[in-house]
C-alpha atoms as a PDB file:
ATOM      1  CA  MET A   1      -0.029  -0.165   0.002  1.00  0.00           C
ATOM      2  CA  ALA A   2       1.540   3.389  -1.321  1.00  0.00           C
ATOM      3  CA  TYR A   3       1.063   5.975   1.883  1.00  0.00           C
ATOM      4  CA  THR A   4       1.344   9.460   2.022  1.00  0.00           C
ATOM      5  CA  THR A   5       4.492  11.275   1.954  1.00  0.00           C
ATOM      6  CA  ILE A   6       2.897  13.852   4.625  1.00  0.00           C
ATOM      7  CA  ASN A   7       4.719  13.361   8.059  1.00  0.00           C
ATOM      8  CA  LYS A   8       2.962  16.149   9.855  1.00  0.00           C
ATOM      9  CA  SER A   9      -0.371  17.056   8.966  1.00  0.00           C
ATOM     10  CA  THR A  10      -0.485  20.554  10.082  1.00  0.00           C
ATOM     11  CA  ASP A  11       1.939  21.722   7.457  1.00  0.00           C
ATOM     12  CA  TYR A  12      -0.855  21.313   5.048  1.00  0.00           C
ATOM     13  CA  PHE A  13      -4.309  21.182   6.854  1.00  0.00           C
ATOM     14  CA  ASN A  14      -4.887  22.955  10.360  1.00  0.00           C
ATOM     15  CA  THR A  15      -8.136  24.235  12.423  1.00  0.00           C
ATOM     16  CA  LYS A  16      -7.173  27.533  14.218  1.00  0.00           C
ATOM     17  CA  LEU A  17      -9.747  29.152  16.534  1.00  0.00           C
ATOM     18  CA  TYR A  18      -9.453  32.688  17.688  1.00  0.00           C
ATOM     19  CA  THR A  19     -11.696  35.757  19.478  1.00  0.00           C
ATOM     20  CA  GLY A  20     -12.491  38.942  17.565  1.00  0.00           C
ATOM     21  CA  ASN A  21     -11.240  42.104  18.563  1.00  0.00           C
ATOM     22  CA  GLY A  22     -13.787  44.361  16.043  1.00  0.00           C
ATOM     23  CA  SER A  23     -10.945  45.930  15.051  1.00  0.00           C
ATOM     24  CA  THR A  24      -7.764  44.615  13.295  1.00  0.00           C
ATOM     25  CA  GLN A  25      -5.675  41.688  14.271  1.00  0.00           C
ATOM     26  CA  SER A  26      -3.022  38.872  13.106  1.00  0.00           C
ATOM     27  CA  ILE A  27      -4.005  35.459  13.766  1.00  0.00           C
ATOM     28  CA  THR A  28      -1.035  33.156  13.994  1.00  0.00           C
ATOM     29  CA  GLY A  29      -0.239  29.564  14.854  1.00  0.00           C
ATOM     30  CA  VAL A  30      -1.698  27.970  11.569  1.00  0.00           C
ATOM     31  CA  GLY A  31       2.370  26.513  10.851  1.00  0.00           C
ATOM     32  CA  PHE A  32       1.644  27.714   7.366  1.00  0.00           C
ATOM     33  CA  LYS A  33       0.814  30.958   4.716  1.00  0.00           C
ATOM     34  CA  PRO A  34      -3.023  29.643   4.147  1.00  0.00           C
ATOM     35  CA  ASP A  35      -3.774  29.206   0.196  1.00  0.00           C
ATOM     36  CA  TRP A  36      -7.475  28.244   1.145  1.00  0.00           C
ATOM     37  CA  LEU A  37      -9.239  29.640   4.195  1.00  0.00           C
ATOM     38  CA  TRP A  38     -12.904  29.140   5.827  1.00  0.00           C
ATOM     39  CA  ILE A  39     -13.777  30.839   8.483  1.00  0.00           C
ATOM     40  CA  LYS A  40     -17.264  30.829  10.526  1.00  0.00           C
ATOM     41  CA  SER A  41     -18.030  32.827  13.675  1.00  0.00           C
ATOM     42  CA  ARG A  42     -19.492  30.062  16.357  1.00  0.00           C
ATOM     43  CA  ASP A  43     -21.452  32.287  18.756  1.00  0.00           C
ATOM     44  CA  SER A  44     -23.008  33.943  15.880  1.00  0.00           C
ATOM     45  CA  ALA A  45     -25.319  33.377  13.203  1.00  0.00           C
ATOM     46  CA  THR A  46     -23.254  35.122  10.374  1.00  0.00           C
ATOM     47  CA  ASN A  47     -22.144  33.802   6.969  1.00  0.00           C
ATOM     48  CA  HIS A  48     -19.375  31.199   6.763  1.00  0.00           C
ATOM     49  CA  ASN A  49     -16.849  33.289   4.740  1.00  0.00           C
ATOM     50  CA  VAL A  50     -14.692  31.764   2.201  1.00  0.00           C
ATOM     51  CA  VAL A  51     -11.250  33.173   0.594  1.00  0.00           C
ATOM     52  CA  ASP A  52      -8.397  31.686  -1.649  1.00  0.00           C
ATOM     53  CA  ILE A  53      -5.056  33.133  -2.428  1.00  0.00           C
ATOM     54  CA  VAL A  54      -6.210  32.729  -6.275  1.00  0.00           C
ATOM     55  CA  ARG A  55      -9.161  35.143  -6.106  1.00  0.00           C
ATOM     56  CA  GLY A  56      -7.473  37.299  -3.537  1.00  0.00           C
ATOM     57  CA  SER A  57      -8.218  37.256   0.466  1.00  0.00           C
ATOM     58  CA  THR A  58     -10.559  40.321   0.121  1.00  0.00           C
ATOM     59  CA  LYS A  59     -13.005  38.350  -1.985  1.00  0.00           C
ATOM     60  CA  ILE A  60     -15.283  36.452  -0.254  1.00  0.00           C
ATOM     61  CA  ILE A  61     -17.843  33.569  -1.294  1.00  0.00           C
ATOM     62  CA  LYS A  62     -20.349  32.155   1.239  1.00  0.00           C
ATOM     63  CA  SER A  63     -20.794  28.592   1.386  1.00  0.00           C
ATOM     64  CA  ASN A  64     -24.189  28.904   2.670  1.00  0.00           C
ATOM     65  CA  THR A  65     -25.739  31.060   0.213  1.00  0.00           C
ATOM     66  CA  ASN A  66     -25.828  31.084  -3.390  1.00  0.00           C
ATOM     67  CA  ALA A  67     -24.577  34.597  -3.466  1.00  0.00           C
ATOM     68  CA  ASP A  68     -21.799  35.850  -6.109  1.00  0.00           C
ATOM     69  CA  GLU A  69     -18.419  37.166  -5.059  1.00  0.00           C
ATOM     70  CA  THR A  70     -18.111  40.113  -3.040  1.00  0.00           C
ATOM     71  CA  THR A  71     -15.260  42.097  -2.015  1.00  0.00           C
ATOM     72  CA  ASP A  72     -14.323  43.788   1.540  1.00  0.00           C
ATOM     73  CA  ALA A  73     -11.217  45.440   2.516  1.00  0.00           C
ATOM     74  CA  ASN A  74     -12.032  44.561   5.965  1.00  0.00           C
ATOM     75  CA  GLY A  75     -12.545  41.033   6.128  1.00  0.00           C
ATOM     76  CA  VAL A  76      -9.230  38.849   5.751  1.00  0.00           C
ATOM     77  CA  THR A  77      -6.820  41.566   4.769  1.00  0.00           C
ATOM     78  CA  SER A  78      -3.518  39.357   3.897  1.00  0.00           C
ATOM     79  CA  PHE A  79      -2.765  36.077   4.287  1.00  0.00           C
ATOM     80  CA  ASN A  80       0.801  35.921   6.082  1.00  0.00           C
ATOM     81  CA  THR A  81       3.761  33.016   6.791  1.00  0.00           C
ATOM     82  CA  ASP A  82       1.981  31.660   9.800  1.00  0.00           C
ATOM     83  CA  GLY A  83      -1.722  32.668   9.386  1.00  0.00           C
ATOM     84  CA  PHE A  84      -3.776  35.528   8.287  1.00  0.00           C
ATOM     85  CA  SER A  85      -4.647  39.021   9.094  1.00  0.00           C
ATOM     86  CA  LEU A  86      -8.368  40.496   9.480  1.00  0.00           C
ATOM     87  CA  GLY A  87     -10.008  43.503   9.685  1.00  0.00           C
ATOM     88  CA  SER A  88     -12.836  44.656  11.223  1.00  0.00           C
ATOM     89  CA  ARG A  89     -16.026  42.626   9.075  1.00  0.00           C
ATOM     90  CA  THR A  90     -18.403  41.266  11.388  1.00  0.00           C
ATOM     91  CA  ASP A  91     -18.778  37.957   9.655  1.00  0.00           C
ATOM     92  CA  THR A  92     -14.613  37.231  10.903  1.00  0.00           C
ATOM     93  CA  ASN A  93     -13.946  39.457  13.840  1.00  0.00           C
ATOM     94  CA  ASN A  94     -16.734  41.036  15.727  1.00  0.00           C
ATOM     95  CA  ASN A  95     -15.443  41.893  19.352  1.00  0.00           C
ATOM     96  CA  THR A  96     -15.742  39.010  21.619  1.00  0.00           C
ATOM     97  CA  ALA A  97     -16.804  36.840  19.227  1.00  0.00           C
ATOM     98  CA  THR A  98     -15.666  33.343  18.856  1.00  0.00           C
ATOM     99  CA  TYR A  99     -14.557  31.705  15.384  1.00  0.00           C
ATOM    100  CA  ALA A 100     -13.238  28.665  13.540  1.00  0.00           C
ATOM    101  CA  ALA A 101     -11.059  28.956  10.511  1.00  0.00           C
ATOM    102  CA  TRP A 102     -10.141  26.026   8.858  1.00  0.00           C
ATOM    103  CA  ASN A 103      -7.181  26.461   6.345  1.00  0.00           C
ATOM    104  CA  TRP A 104      -5.525  24.294   3.691  1.00  0.00           C
ATOM    105  CA  LEU A 105      -2.164  24.551   1.986  1.00  0.00           C
ATOM    106  CA  ALA A 106      -1.878  24.359  -1.684  1.00  0.00           C
ATOM    107  CA  GLY A 107       1.175  26.531  -3.093  1.00  0.00           C
ATOM    108  CA  THR A 108       2.988  26.054  -6.449  1.00  0.00           C
ATOM    109  CA  THR A 109       0.901  28.445  -8.778  1.00  0.00           C
ATOM    110  CA  GLY A 110       0.416  28.622 -12.433  1.00  0.00           C
ATOM    111  CA  SER A 111      -1.759  29.923 -15.219  1.00  0.00           C
ATOM    112  CA  GLY A 112      -2.958  28.635 -18.809  1.00  0.00           C
ATOM    113  CA  THR A 113      -5.494  28.168 -21.685  1.00  0.00           C
ATOM    114  CA  THR A 114      -8.349  25.491 -20.697  1.00  0.00           C
ATOM    115  CA  THR A 115      -8.427  22.498 -23.515  1.00  0.00           C
ATOM    116  CA  GLY A 116     -11.219  20.236 -25.030  1.00  0.00           C
ATOM    117  CA  SER A 117     -13.954  21.288 -26.992  1.00  0.00           C
ATOM    118  CA  GLY A 118     -14.940  25.070 -27.590  1.00  0.00           C
ATOM    119  CA  THR A 119     -12.684  27.736 -27.399  1.00  0.00           C
ATOM    120  CA  GLY A 120     -10.010  27.526 -25.009  1.00  0.00           C
ATOM    121  CA  LYS A 121     -10.235  30.294 -21.713  1.00  0.00           C
ATOM    122  CA  ALA A 122      -7.583  31.511 -19.594  1.00  0.00           C
ATOM    123  CA  TYR A 123      -7.484  29.620 -15.988  1.00  0.00           C
ATOM    124  CA  SER A 124      -5.450  30.198 -12.883  1.00  0.00           C
ATOM    125  CA  TYR A 125      -4.414  27.726 -10.375  1.00  0.00           C
ATOM    126  CA  SER A 126      -2.373  27.014  -6.952  1.00  0.00           C
ATOM    127  CA  VAL A 127      -1.612  23.380  -6.278  1.00  0.00           C
ATOM    128  CA  SER A 128       0.023  20.927  -3.968  1.00  0.00           C
ATOM    129  CA  THR A 129       0.294  17.573  -5.815  1.00  0.00           C
ATOM    130  CA  THR A 130       1.613  16.177  -2.420  1.00  0.00           C
ATOM    131  CA  ALA A 131      -1.469  16.977  -0.206  1.00  0.00           C
ATOM    132  CA  GLY A 132      -3.788  16.230  -3.116  1.00  0.00           C
ATOM    133  CA  PHE A 133      -5.269  19.828  -3.447  1.00  0.00           C
ATOM    134  CA  SER A 134      -5.950  22.742  -6.164  1.00  0.00           C
ATOM    135  CA  ILE A 135      -7.457  25.752  -6.312  1.00  0.00           C
ATOM    136  CA  VAL A 136      -8.847  26.338  -9.848  1.00  0.00           C
ATOM    137  CA  LYS A 137     -10.117  29.922 -11.015  1.00  0.00           C
ATOM    138  CA  TYR A 138     -11.403  29.404 -15.084  1.00  0.00           C
ATOM    139  CA  LEU A 139     -13.771  31.041 -17.395  1.00  0.00           C
ATOM    140  CA  GLY A 140     -16.425  28.627 -18.868  1.00  0.00           C
ATOM    141  CA  ASN A 141     -17.010  28.121 -22.439  1.00  0.00           C
ATOM    142  CA  GLY A 142     -20.457  26.889 -22.901  1.00  0.00           C
ATOM    143  CA  THR A 143     -19.972  23.689 -24.788  1.00  0.00           C
ATOM    144  CA  SER A 144     -20.000  20.123 -23.472  1.00  0.00           C
ATOM    145  CA  GLY A 145     -16.463  18.599 -22.949  1.00  0.00           C
ATOM    146  CA  HIS A 146     -14.861  21.734 -22.179  1.00  0.00           C
ATOM    147  CA  THR A 147     -11.612  20.315 -19.889  1.00  0.00           C
ATOM    148  CA  ILE A 148     -10.047  22.001 -16.995  1.00  0.00           C
ATOM    149  CA  PRO A 149      -6.702  21.113 -15.766  1.00  0.00           C
ATOM    150  CA  HIS A 150      -6.503  20.704 -12.116  1.00  0.00           C
ATOM    151  CA  HIS A 151      -3.030  20.047 -11.902  1.00  0.00           C
ATOM    152  CA  LEU A 152      -3.253  17.398  -9.178  1.00  0.00           C
ATOM    153  CA  GLY A 153      -1.436  14.392 -10.708  1.00  0.00           C
ATOM    154  CA  SER A 154      -4.138  12.155  -9.437  1.00  0.00           C
ATOM    155  CA  VAL A 155      -7.731  11.540 -10.113  1.00  0.00           C
ATOM    156  CA  PRO A 156      -9.793  14.122  -8.018  1.00  0.00           C
ATOM    157  CA  ALA A 157     -11.815  12.543  -5.608  1.00  0.00           C
ATOM    158  CA  MET A 158     -14.248  15.649  -4.909  1.00  0.00           C
ATOM    159  CA  VAL A 159     -14.439  19.146  -6.595  1.00  0.00           C
ATOM    160  CA  ILE A 160     -16.518  22.091  -5.551  1.00  0.00           C
ATOM    161  CA  PHE A 161     -17.642  24.404  -7.616  1.00  0.00           C
ATOM    162  CA  LYS A 162     -18.995  28.262  -7.744  1.00  0.00           C
ATOM    163  CA  GLN A 163     -19.589  30.710  -9.697  1.00  0.00           C
ATOM    164  CA  LEU A 164     -18.132  34.131  -8.988  1.00  0.00           C
ATOM    165  CA  ASN A 165     -19.788  36.943 -11.114  1.00  0.00           C
ATOM    166  CA  ALA A 166     -23.931  35.378 -10.596  1.00  0.00           C
ATOM    167  CA  THR A 167     -26.280  34.244  -8.206  1.00  0.00           C
ATOM    168  CA  ARG A 168     -25.757  30.397  -8.247  1.00  0.00           C
ATOM    169  CA  GLY A 169     -25.780  27.311  -6.342  1.00  0.00           C
ATOM    170  CA  TRP A 170     -22.525  25.860  -5.012  1.00  0.00           C
ATOM    171  CA  GLY A 171     -22.372  22.448  -7.299  1.00  0.00           C
ATOM    172  CA  VAL A 172     -20.248  19.281  -5.847  1.00  0.00           C
ATOM    173  CA  TYR A 173     -18.713  16.423  -7.804  1.00  0.00           C
ATOM    174  CA  HIS A 174     -18.313  13.235  -5.282  1.00  0.00           C
ATOM    175  CA  GLN A 175     -16.313  10.260  -6.330  1.00  0.00           C
ATOM    176  CA  SER A 176     -18.930   7.938  -4.318  1.00  0.00           C
ATOM    177  CA  ARG A 177     -21.800   9.115  -6.172  1.00  0.00           C
ATOM    178  CA  GLY A 178     -20.197   9.976  -9.715  1.00  0.00           C
ATOM    179  CA  ALA A 179     -20.498  12.378 -12.602  1.00  0.00           C
ATOM    180  CA  GLY A 180     -23.979  11.889 -12.901  1.00  0.00           C
ATOM    181  CA  LYS A 181     -25.054  13.433  -9.852  1.00  0.00           C
ATOM    182  CA  ILE A 182     -24.975  17.075  -8.373  1.00  0.00           C
ATOM    183  CA  ILE A 183     -25.072  18.214  -4.792  1.00  0.00           C
ATOM    184  CA  TYR A 184     -25.283  21.373  -3.640  1.00  0.00           C
ATOM    185  CA  LEU A 185     -23.089  22.903  -0.918  1.00  0.00           C
ATOM    186  CA  ASP A 186     -25.378  25.633   0.099  1.00  0.00           C
ATOM    187  CA  GLU A 187     -28.578  23.540   0.240  1.00  0.00           C
ATOM    188  CA  SER A 188     -29.768  20.984   2.339  1.00  0.00           C
ATOM    189  CA  ILE A 189     -31.704  19.091  -0.325  1.00  0.00           C
ATOM    190  CA  ALA A 190     -30.660  15.288  -1.926  1.00  0.00           C
ATOM    191  CA  GLU A 191     -28.386  15.181  -4.629  1.00  0.00           C
ATOM    192  CA  GLN A 192     -29.691  15.770  -8.223  1.00  0.00           C
ATOM    193  CA  SER A 193     -29.668  13.887 -11.244  1.00  0.00           C
ATOM    194  CA  ALA A 194     -27.699  16.136 -13.512  1.00  0.00           C
ATOM    195  CA  ASN A 195     -24.151  15.248 -15.257  1.00  0.00           C
ATOM    196  CA  ILE A 196     -21.972  17.791 -13.338  1.00  0.00           C
ATOM    197  CA  LEU A 197     -19.208  15.937 -15.345  1.00  0.00           C
ATOM    198  CA  THR A 198     -19.120  14.731 -18.705  1.00  0.00           C
ATOM    199  CA  GLY A 199     -17.199  11.790 -16.963  1.00  0.00           C
ATOM    200  CA  THR A 200     -15.060  10.697 -14.257  1.00  0.00           C
ATOM    201  CA  PRO A 201     -12.126  12.647 -14.428  1.00  0.00           C
ATOM    202  CA  THR A 202      -8.502  11.898 -15.470  1.00  0.00           C
ATOM    203  CA  SER A 203      -5.482  12.585 -13.202  1.00  0.00           C
ATOM    204  CA  SER A 204      -4.908  15.631 -15.247  1.00  0.00           C
ATOM    205  CA  VAL A 205      -8.287  17.264 -16.478  1.00  0.00           C
ATOM    206  CA  MET A 206     -11.819  17.178 -15.522  1.00  0.00           C
ATOM    207  CA  SER A 207     -14.352  17.557 -18.188  1.00  0.00           C
ATOM    208  CA  LEU A 208     -17.571  19.956 -18.192  1.00  0.00           C
ATOM    209  CA  PRO A 209     -20.898  19.607 -19.517  1.00  0.00           C
ATOM    210  CA  THR A 210     -22.962  22.525 -20.168  1.00  0.00           C
ATOM    211  CA  LEU A 211     -24.378  23.305 -16.609  1.00  0.00           C
ATOM    212  CA  ASN A 212     -25.026  26.594 -15.178  1.00  0.00           C
ATOM    213  CA  GLU A 213     -22.997  25.723 -11.982  1.00  0.00           C
ATOM    214  CA  ASN A 214     -19.517  25.016 -13.628  1.00  0.00           C
ATOM    215  CA  ASN A 215     -19.675  26.272 -17.764  1.00  0.00           C
ATOM    216  CA  ILE A 216     -21.618  29.107 -18.535  1.00  0.00           C
ATOM    217  CA  ASN A 217     -19.950  30.882 -21.648  1.00  0.00           C
ATOM    218  CA  ASP A 218     -17.490  33.404 -20.038  1.00  0.00           C
ATOM    219  CA  ALA A 219     -18.844  33.213 -16.493  1.00  0.00           C
ATOM    220  CA  SER A 220     -15.936  33.057 -13.971  1.00  0.00           C
ATOM    221  CA  TYR A 221     -15.633  30.213 -11.687  1.00  0.00           C
ATOM    222  CA  ILE A 222     -13.813  28.670  -8.893  1.00  0.00           C
ATOM    223  CA  ALA A 223     -12.923  25.014  -8.503  1.00  0.00           C
ATOM    224  CA  TYR A 224     -11.526  23.504  -5.222  1.00  0.00           C
ATOM    225  CA  CYS A 225     -10.038  19.959  -6.222  1.00  0.00           C
ATOM    226  CA  PHE A 226      -9.296  17.048  -3.614  1.00  0.00           C
ATOM    227  CA  ALA A 227      -7.372  14.140  -4.730  1.00  0.00           C
ATOM    228  CA  GLU A 228      -7.546  11.046  -1.501  1.00  0.00           C
ATOM    229  CA  LYS A 229      -3.851  10.361  -0.458  1.00  0.00           C
ATOM    230  CA  THR A 230      -3.984   7.142   1.946  1.00  0.00           C
ATOM    231  CA  GLY A 231      -3.228   8.165   5.520  1.00  0.00           C
ATOM    232  CA  TYR A 232      -3.899  12.174   5.206  1.00  0.00           C
ATOM    233  CA  SER A 233      -7.108  12.715   3.317  1.00  0.00           C
ATOM    234  CA  LYS A 234     -10.493  10.547   2.397  1.00  0.00           C
ATOM    235  CA  PHE A 235     -13.253  10.999   0.620  1.00  0.00           C
ATOM    236  CA  GLY A 236     -15.774   8.299   0.866  1.00  0.00           C
ATOM    237  CA  SER A 237     -19.313   7.573   1.835  1.00  0.00           C
ATOM    238  CA  TYR A 238     -21.075   5.339   4.368  1.00  0.00           C
ATOM    239  CA  VAL A 239     -24.886   4.203   4.721  1.00  0.00           C
ATOM    240  CA  GLY A 240     -26.814   4.865   8.276  1.00  0.00           C
ATOM    241  CA  ASN A 241     -28.166   2.045  10.313  1.00  0.00           C
ATOM    242  CA  GLY A 242     -30.538   4.711  12.330  1.00  0.00           C
ATOM    243  CA  ASN A 243     -28.916   3.094  15.369  1.00  0.00           C
ATOM    244  CA  ALA A 244     -27.685   5.289  18.482  1.00  0.00           C
ATOM    245  CA  ASP A 245     -24.523   2.592  18.532  1.00  0.00           C
ATOM    246  CA  GLY A 246     -24.191   3.924  14.774  1.00  0.00           C
ATOM    247  CA  THR A 247     -22.378   2.908  11.612  1.00  0.00           C
ATOM    248  CA  PHE A 248     -18.525   3.249  11.925  1.00  0.00           C
ATOM    249  CA  ILE A 249     -16.519   5.152   8.846  1.00  0.00           C
ATOM    250  CA  TYR A 250     -12.848   3.871   8.305  1.00  0.00           C
ATOM    251  CA  THR A 251     -10.685   6.150   7.577  1.00  0.00           C
ATOM    252  CA  GLY A 252      -7.245   5.020   8.405  1.00  0.00           C
ATOM    253  CA  PHE A 253      -6.188   7.647  10.161  1.00  0.00           C
ATOM    254  CA  LYS A 254      -7.483  10.072  13.344  1.00  0.00           C
ATOM    255  CA  PRO A 255      -9.953  12.942  11.388  1.00  0.00           C
ATOM    256  CA  ALA A 256      -8.821  16.328  12.676  1.00  0.00           C
ATOM    257  CA  PHE A 257     -11.943  17.359  10.326  1.00  0.00           C
ATOM    258  CA  VAL A 258     -14.725  15.807   8.763  1.00  0.00           C
ATOM    259  CA  LEU A 259     -17.198  17.482   6.441  1.00  0.00           C
ATOM    260  CA  PHE A 260     -20.478  15.209   5.657  1.00  0.00           C
ATOM    261  CA  LYS A 261     -23.936  15.015   4.315  1.00  0.00           C
ATOM    262  CA  GLY A 262     -27.089  12.780   3.875  1.00  0.00           C
ATOM    263  CA  SER A 263     -26.914  12.980  -0.093  1.00  0.00           C
ATOM    264  CA  THR A 264     -29.802  10.814  -0.830  1.00  0.00           C
ATOM    265  CA  ILE A 265     -32.007  12.703   1.675  1.00  0.00           C
ATOM    266  CA  ALA A 266     -32.811  16.525   2.444  1.00  0.00           C
ATOM    267  CA  GLU A 267     -29.894  17.155   5.104  1.00  0.00           C
ATOM    268  CA  ASN A 268     -27.515  19.797   5.664  1.00  0.00           C
ATOM    269  CA  TRP A 269     -23.416  19.692   5.443  1.00  0.00           C
ATOM    270  CA  TRP A 270     -22.311  19.274   9.191  1.00  0.00           C
ATOM    271  CA  MET A 271     -18.930  20.171  10.175  1.00  0.00           C
ATOM    272  CA  PHE A 272     -16.920  18.366  13.044  1.00  0.00           C
ATOM    273  CA  ASP A 273     -12.965  19.161  13.990  1.00  0.00           C
ATOM    274  CA  THR A 274     -10.670  18.316  16.870  1.00  0.00           C
ATOM    275  CA  LYS A 275      -9.457  21.806  17.985  1.00  0.00           C
ATOM    276  CA  ARG A 276     -13.733  22.437  18.571  1.00  0.00           C
ATOM    277  CA  SER A 277     -14.514  19.226  20.250  1.00  0.00           C
ATOM    278  CA  GLU A 278     -11.053  17.840  21.888  1.00  0.00           C
ATOM    279  CA  SER A 279     -12.539  14.665  23.328  1.00  0.00           C
ATOM    280  CA  ASN A 280     -15.215  12.481  22.100  1.00  0.00           C
ATOM    281  CA  VAL A 281     -18.034  12.499  21.706  1.00  0.00           C
ATOM    282  CA  ALA A 282     -17.611  15.325  19.560  1.00  0.00           C
ATOM    283  CA  ASN A 283     -20.930  17.398  20.013  1.00  0.00           C
ATOM    284  CA  ASP A 284     -20.054  20.815  18.727  1.00  0.00           C
ATOM    285  CA  GLY A 285     -21.128  21.075  15.382  1.00  0.00           C
ATOM    286  CA  LEU A 286     -21.249  23.853  12.726  1.00  0.00           C
ATOM    287  CA  ILE A 287     -23.406  23.369   9.508  1.00  0.00           C
ATOM    288  CA  ALA A 288     -21.446  24.729   6.137  1.00  0.00           C
ATOM    289  CA  SER A 289     -24.821  25.048   4.612  1.00  0.00           C
ATOM    290  CA  THR A 290     -26.418  27.547   7.151  1.00  0.00           C
ATOM    291  CA  SER A 291     -25.614  30.591   8.935  1.00  0.00           C
ATOM    292  CA  ASN A 292     -26.656  28.844  12.108  1.00  0.00           C
ATOM    293  CA  SER A 293     -24.404  29.337  15.168  1.00  0.00           C
ATOM    294  CA  GLU A 294     -22.586  26.464  16.775  1.00  0.00           C
ATOM    295  CA  TYR A 295     -24.636  23.546  17.840  1.00  0.00           C
ATOM    296  CA  SER A 296     -22.381  23.617  21.232  1.00  0.00           C
ATOM    297  CA  ASN A 297     -22.287  20.413  23.879  1.00  0.00           C
ATOM    298  CA  ASN A 298     -25.621  18.990  21.885  1.00  0.00           C
ATOM    299  CA  ALA A 299     -27.013  15.639  22.922  1.00  0.00           C
ATOM    300  CA  THR A 300     -28.459  15.069  19.453  1.00  0.00           C
ATOM    301  CA  PHE A 301     -25.884  16.297  16.786  1.00  0.00           C
ATOM    302  CA  LYS A 302     -22.880  14.081  17.871  1.00  0.00           C
ATOM    303  CA  ILE A 303     -20.412  11.933  16.508  1.00  0.00           C
ATOM    304  CA  ASP A 304     -17.061  10.036  17.921  1.00  0.00           C
ATOM    305  CA  ILE A 305     -13.775  10.859  16.297  1.00  0.00           C
ATOM    306  CA  LEU A 306     -11.842   7.800  16.653  1.00  0.00           C
ATOM    307  CA  SER A 307      -8.026   6.619  16.009  1.00  0.00           C
ATOM    308  CA  ASN A 308      -8.988   5.182  12.933  1.00  0.00           C
ATOM    309  CA  GLY A 309     -12.027   6.387  11.377  1.00  0.00           C
ATOM    310  CA  PHE A 310     -15.122   8.115  13.045  1.00  0.00           C
ATOM    311  CA  LYS A 311     -18.516   6.570  14.294  1.00  0.00           C
ATOM    312  CA  MET A 312     -22.166   7.759  14.513  1.00  0.00           C
ATOM    313  CA  ARG A 313     -23.586   8.465  17.962  1.00  0.00           C
ATOM    314  CA  SER A 314     -27.370   9.652  17.020  1.00  0.00           C
ATOM    315  CA  THR A 315     -30.375   7.965  15.296  1.00  0.00           C
ATOM    316  CA  ASP A 316     -31.121  11.418  14.019  1.00  0.00           C
ATOM    317  CA  SER A 317     -30.840  11.819  10.050  1.00  0.00           C
ATOM    318  CA  PHE A 318     -28.457  14.344   9.994  1.00  0.00           C
ATOM    319  CA  ALA A 319     -25.855  11.624   9.996  1.00  0.00           C
ATOM    320  CA  ASN A 320     -27.543   8.356  10.311  1.00  0.00           C
ATOM    321  CA  SER A 321     -30.843   7.817   8.883  1.00  0.00           C
ATOM    322  CA  SER A 322     -31.442   4.262   8.350  1.00  0.00           C
ATOM    323  CA  SER A 323     -30.397   2.875   4.728  1.00  0.00           C
ATOM    324  CA  ASN A 324     -29.444   6.426   3.476  1.00  0.00           C
ATOM    325  CA  THR A 325     -26.433   7.254   1.834  1.00  0.00           C
ATOM    326  CA  TYR A 326     -23.677  10.241   3.215  1.00  0.00           C
ATOM    327  CA  ILE A 327     -20.931  11.371   1.771  1.00  0.00           C
ATOM    328  CA  TYR A 328     -17.777  12.899   3.367  1.00  0.00           C
ATOM    329  CA  MET A 329     -14.429  15.024   3.251  1.00  0.00           C
ATOM    330  CA  ALA A 330     -11.921  13.950   5.813  1.00  0.00           C
ATOM    331  CA  PHE A 331      -8.417  15.179   6.802  1.00  0.00           C
ATOM    332  CA  ALA A 332      -6.041  13.607   9.285  1.00  0.00           C
ATOM    333  CA  GLU A 333      -4.730  14.812  12.581  1.00  0.00           C
ATOM    334  CA  ALA A 334      -1.560  12.987  12.167  1.00  0.00           C
ATOM    335  CA  PRO A 335      -0.982  10.724   8.813  1.00  0.00           C
ATOM    336  CA  LEU A 336      -1.283   6.631   9.127  1.00  0.00           C
ATOM    337  CA  VAL A 337       1.959   6.359   7.945  1.00  0.00           C
ATOM    338  CA  GLY A 338       4.546   8.919   6.283  1.00  0.00           C
ATOM    339  CA  SER A 339       7.076   8.691   4.314  1.00  0.00           C
ATOM    340  CA  ASN A 340       9.490   7.811   6.936  1.00  0.00           C
ATOM    341  CA  ASN A 341       7.436   4.695   7.400  1.00  0.00           C
ATOM    342  CA  VAL A 342       7.004   5.110  10.870  1.00  0.00           C
ATOM    343  CA  PRO A 343       3.115   4.608  12.036  1.00  0.00           C
ATOM    344  CA  CYS A 344       1.985   7.808  13.844  1.00  0.00           C
ATOM    345  CA  THR A 345       0.407   7.290  17.058  1.00  0.00           C
ATOM    346  CA  ALA A 346      -3.252   8.272  17.530  1.00  0.00           C
ATOM    347  CA  ARG A 347      -3.794  11.101  20.347  1.00  0.00           C
END
């Protein structure tokens, strides 16, 4: 079995908790300069703020709405070598409010022209082939078979698309549901039968249909692309059993972060991590598809985060409805085995 070459997961993904001050501040301790940053207030019903290095730190999209990209110089003001700086925007730095910030590293940047059917269009990107993560900004061409290079060097397991210059939902491709299903990050509806890709992506490109969510002619899009790295990241599915002694999902590592959604039922996207919930049960849930504040120490919305995966501890349909399918993405707290071939010990 080929394991990840990552020896320290927090070199590529890290959760940072902080308290707002209503003015300006720099958040440190991330461990790297983030290329994708996702921030949510824990104690207030405010929007999720998503920014990235390719579009620029002041360009905001919100996972819980279909709104187009906005610019705010008082939000995230810069990406720094060990974190990021903030202005006075309420969503990200309200005085005394508490926040969770999820940070991913990509790193290598470039640009080019898209390929495949129709007119080639400009694109730019940032990528880490080691971590299996890339950010691609591109223009659609309105032609089926338009191919977008993702630069991962391996087949993407999950891709999140968002149109930037119009009100349009976040379309998600997930390998477990296939190219013929589209799932919306900003909604709680079940998956829809529509081609989000024209087929399974290759190790170099993903081919687009004429879908509004990712290929209108001359519309601007961002795509967050993930390839699975054994021992560091996992993008899979499971079937709920409707029991408090719920389904166990094997990832091969202790997750630092889990995002999941019922794909065959109308349910929200839920987020858990080991910084907000430092011990089991993990019952401090946030919802990526709503502006709701954190469900802190909640008796219903809870999971176990274990040394080799995660387990459902509720009969509720948010995570464990009997016979329904759920999809997830998970990143490791520590890799199962790094390039030194020494197994990591779970916390």
